[in-house]
């Protein structure tokens, strides 16, 4: 059975494809890639910390004595940090033979957390987004440096969908959770008004087109 849309088109008369116009108004292209979880962001931050320490070590040193004071809350980073040193060509020792003069690296993580910025929309009818700020800080000491204890703070800032936040956070690790800001007041009022206006315009265009045919 032919639709009314096809009959108008095949008859050669002018037509307005209102059937296609309305869905197009609500089509929004996703400009943001799939987001990493908050915990994955923290793993990336520890990779940056490891890379910084390695750059400060003598090039001819392929072994290190590594100790980590992460506390119970951040102990999950221990294996990841150790693996990062290994992937960068360092042999990690838990105890140092007395006859070997190798760098001793001690890492302390003091805190980590997530903050979300103000909520905004991607277009009129797009999804709500927030800026995500994941930060980790602490200090480290490596024996081949004359600078003593070095403070560090690394962070990653990106944009995530508000509706995805519950999947990006990890209930088992409180530092991966942050306070989600409320939806802007004007945005919550403007959206239904715009939707009503657009729907009215489509209806008017449809009946105007029909009367002209």
Protein backbone atom coordinates (compact mmCIF):
# COMPACT_ATOMS: atom_id res chain seq x y z
CA UNK A 1 0.00 0.00 0.00
CA UNK A 2 1.44 3.33 -1.08
CA UNK A 3 1.80 6.02 1.52
CA UNK A 4 0.50 9.56 1.13
CA UNK A 5 4.07 10.75 0.99
CA UNK A 6 4.80 8.52 -2.05
CA UNK A 7 1.57 9.51 -3.85
CA UNK A 8 2.36 13.22 -3.63
CA UNK A 9 5.92 12.65 -4.77
CA UNK A 10 4.99 10.41 -7.74
CA UNK A 11 2.26 12.75 -8.97
CA UNK A 12 4.80 15.45 -9.67
CA UNK A 13 3.18 18.01 -7.34
CA UNK A 14 5.22 20.19 -5.05
CA UNK A 15 5.40 18.86 -1.52
CA UNK A 16 6.99 19.61 1.82
CA UNK A 17 8.53 16.51 3.47
CA UNK A 18 7.29 17.31 6.94
CA UNK A 19 7.55 13.63 7.82
CA UNK A 20 11.32 13.96 7.54
CA UNK A 21 11.61 17.48 8.89
CA UNK A 22 10.47 16.81 12.44
CA UNK A 23 12.85 13.91 13.17
CA UNK A 24 15.69 15.97 11.72
CA UNK A 25 15.07 18.68 14.29
CA UNK A 26 15.75 16.25 17.10
CA UNK A 27 18.75 14.54 15.52
CA UNK A 28 21.93 15.42 17.38
CA UNK A 29 25.37 14.24 16.36
CA UNK A 30 27.46 12.94 19.26
CA UNK A 31 30.59 15.10 19.15
CA UNK A 32 32.23 13.44 22.14
CA UNK A 33 33.92 10.01 22.07
CA UNK A 34 33.16 7.19 24.46
CA UNK A 35 34.40 8.21 27.90
CA UNK A 36 36.90 6.29 29.99
CA UNK A 37 35.78 5.46 33.51
CA UNK A 38 37.02 7.63 36.36
CA UNK A 39 39.19 4.77 37.59
CA UNK A 40 40.75 4.39 34.13
CA UNK A 41 41.56 8.11 34.21
CA UNK A 42 43.41 7.62 37.50
CA UNK A 43 45.38 4.73 36.04
CA UNK A 44 46.41 7.07 33.20
CA UNK A 45 47.51 9.64 35.78
CA UNK A 46 49.73 7.10 37.55
CA UNK A 47 51.27 6.33 34.15
CA UNK A 48 52.20 10.02 33.87
CA UNK A 49 53.73 9.92 37.35
CA UNK A 50 55.79 6.85 36.47
CA UNK A 51 57.00 8.44 33.23
CA UNK A 52 58.12 11.56 35.12
CA UNK A 53 60.15 9.53 37.63
CA UNK A 54 61.75 7.42 34.89
CA UNK A 55 62.85 10.55 33.03
CA UNK A 56 64.71 11.67 36.15
CA UNK A 57 66.60 8.39 36.59
CA UNK A 58 70.07 7.86 35.09
CA UNK A 59 69.85 6.30 31.63
CA UNK A 60 72.23 3.47 32.53
CA UNK A 61 70.06 2.29 35.44
CA UNK A 62 67.75 -0.54 34.41
CA UNK A 63 66.94 -1.62 37.97
CA UNK A 64 65.12 0.21 40.75
CA UNK A 65 64.18 -0.52 44.33
CA UNK A 66 60.52 0.49 44.55
CA UNK A 67 58.52 1.15 47.71
CA UNK A 68 54.99 2.53 47.74
CA UNK A 69 53.06 4.16 50.58
CA UNK A 70 49.58 4.34 49.11
CA UNK A 71 47.37 3.69 52.10
CA UNK A 72 44.42 1.33 51.97
CA UNK A 73 42.31 3.58 49.78
CA UNK A 74 44.83 3.81 46.94
CA UNK A 75 46.49 0.40 47.24
CA UNK A 76 44.84 -0.70 43.99
CA UNK A 77 47.40 1.46 42.11
CA UNK A 78 50.35 -0.54 43.42
CA UNK A 79 50.44 -3.24 40.75
CA UNK A 80 49.68 -0.77 37.99
CA UNK A 81 52.58 1.50 38.99
CA UNK A 82 54.94 -1.45 39.23
CA UNK A 83 53.85 -2.72 35.82
CA UNK A 84 54.38 0.73 34.30
CA UNK A 85 58.04 0.70 35.41
CA UNK A 86 58.48 -2.80 33.96
CA UNK A 87 56.91 -1.81 30.62
CA UNK A 88 59.40 1.05 30.43
CA UNK A 89 62.35 -1.32 30.72
CA UNK A 90 62.98 -1.16 34.47
CA UNK A 91 63.49 -4.25 36.59
CA UNK A 92 61.67 -3.66 39.87
CA UNK A 93 63.22 -5.05 43.05
CA UNK A 94 61.54 -5.31 46.45
CA UNK A 95 64.85 -5.58 48.27
CA UNK A 96 68.22 -4.29 47.12
CA UNK A 97 71.35 -6.44 47.32
CA UNK A 98 73.94 -4.50 49.34
CA UNK A 99 76.54 -4.81 46.63
CA UNK A 100 74.36 -3.01 44.07
CA UNK A 101 74.03 0.76 43.98
CA UNK A 102 70.61 1.15 42.36
CA UNK A 103 68.03 3.94 42.58
CA UNK A 104 65.55 3.70 45.44
CA UNK A 105 62.16 5.16 44.50
CA UNK A 106 59.56 5.79 47.19
CA UNK A 107 56.08 6.92 46.10
CA UNK A 108 53.45 8.37 48.44
CA UNK A 109 49.89 9.10 47.30
CA UNK A 110 48.21 11.61 49.60
CA UNK A 111 44.88 12.13 47.87
CA UNK A 112 42.76 11.77 44.75
CA UNK A 113 39.33 12.95 43.69
CA UNK A 114 36.86 13.90 40.97
CA UNK A 115 35.10 17.22 40.40
CA UNK A 116 32.42 18.04 37.83
CA UNK A 117 31.93 21.47 36.29
CA UNK A 118 28.68 23.24 35.40
CA UNK A 119 26.16 21.31 33.33
CA UNK A 120 25.58 22.33 29.71
CA UNK A 121 23.78 21.01 26.63
CA UNK A 122 25.15 19.95 23.26
CA UNK A 123 22.65 21.93 21.19
CA UNK A 124 18.99 22.72 21.91
CA UNK A 125 17.84 19.15 22.43
CA UNK A 126 21.21 17.50 22.94
CA UNK A 127 22.42 15.54 25.94
CA UNK A 128 23.61 17.18 29.13
CA UNK A 129 27.39 17.29 29.58
CA UNK A 130 29.78 18.32 32.33
CA UNK A 131 33.50 18.89 32.46
CA UNK A 132 35.25 16.16 34.46
CA UNK A 133 38.40 16.90 36.46
CA UNK A 134 40.28 13.90 37.90
CA UNK A 135 43.29 14.76 40.07
CA UNK A 136 45.86 12.82 42.09
CA UNK A 137 48.59 14.26 44.30
CA UNK A 138 51.35 13.20 46.66
CA UNK A 139 55.14 13.07 46.72
CA UNK A 140 58.03 10.83 45.78
CA UNK A 141 61.70 10.47 46.60
CA UNK A 142 64.36 8.86 44.45
CA UNK A 143 67.84 8.34 45.84
CA UNK A 144 69.78 9.45 42.74
CA UNK A 145 68.29 12.94 42.94
CA UNK A 146 69.80 15.75 45.03
CA UNK A 147 66.46 17.60 45.22
CA UNK A 148 65.02 15.43 47.98
CA UNK A 149 61.28 14.93 48.25
CA UNK A 150 59.35 16.05 45.17
CA UNK A 151 55.69 17.03 45.34
CA UNK A 152 53.44 16.09 42.43
CA UNK A 153 49.90 16.74 41.26
CA UNK A 154 48.58 15.33 38.00
CA UNK A 155 45.13 15.80 36.54
CA UNK A 156 43.06 14.97 33.47
CA UNK A 157 40.23 17.24 32.29
CA UNK A 158 37.66 16.11 29.73
CA UNK A 159 33.92 16.20 29.00
CA UNK A 160 31.39 13.45 29.80
CA UNK A 161 27.64 12.91 29.49
CA UNK A 162 25.73 13.44 32.71
CA UNK A 163 23.65 10.30 32.14
CA UNK A 164 26.87 8.24 31.91
CA UNK A 165 28.37 9.40 35.20
CA UNK A 166 26.77 6.62 37.24
CA UNK A 167 28.57 4.11 35.01
CA UNK A 168 31.88 6.00 35.07
CA UNK A 169 32.10 6.10 38.87
CA UNK A 170 32.98 3.09 41.01
CA UNK A 171 31.00 2.54 44.20
CA UNK A 172 33.87 0.51 45.70
CA UNK A 173 36.26 3.47 45.51
CA UNK A 174 34.84 6.74 46.89
CA UNK A 175 37.59 8.86 45.34
CA UNK A 176 36.14 8.05 41.88
CA UNK A 177 32.88 9.80 42.80
CA UNK A 178 32.07 13.52 42.66
CA UNK A 179 29.11 15.81 43.24
CA UNK A 180 26.99 16.22 40.11
CA UNK A 181 25.85 19.84 39.57
CA UNK A 182 22.13 20.58 39.03
CA UNK A 183 20.66 21.35 35.62
CA UNK A 184 20.69 25.11 34.85
CA UNK A 185 17.32 26.68 35.67
CA UNK A 186 16.90 28.48 32.34
CA UNK A 187 17.71 25.32 30.40
CA UNK A 188 14.94 23.36 32.12
CA UNK A 189 12.40 26.08 31.20
CA UNK A 190 13.61 26.84 27.68
CA UNK A 191 13.56 23.27 26.38
CA UNK A 192 9.79 22.62 26.63
CA UNK A 193 9.04 26.11 25.24
CA UNK A 194 11.28 25.48 22.25
CA UNK A 195 9.74 22.05 21.68
CA UNK A 196 6.23 23.52 21.69
CA UNK A 197 7.30 26.27 19.30
CA UNK A 198 8.92 23.85 16.88
CA UNK A 199 5.90 21.53 16.93
CA UNK A 200 3.56 24.48 16.23
CA UNK A 201 5.75 25.65 13.33
CA UNK A 202 5.72 22.17 11.77
CA UNK A 203 1.92 21.97 11.97
CA UNK A 204 1.53 25.43 10.41
CA UNK A 205 3.93 24.57 7.60
CA UNK A 206 2.10 21.30 6.93
CA UNK A 207 -1.36 22.85 6.62
CA UNK A 208 0.01 25.81 4.64
CA UNK A 209 1.57 23.39 2.17
CA UNK A 210 -1.61 21.35 1.88
CA UNK A 211 -3.75 24.41 1.19
CA UNK A 212 -1.35 25.57 -1.53
CA UNK A 213 -1.66 22.17 -3.26
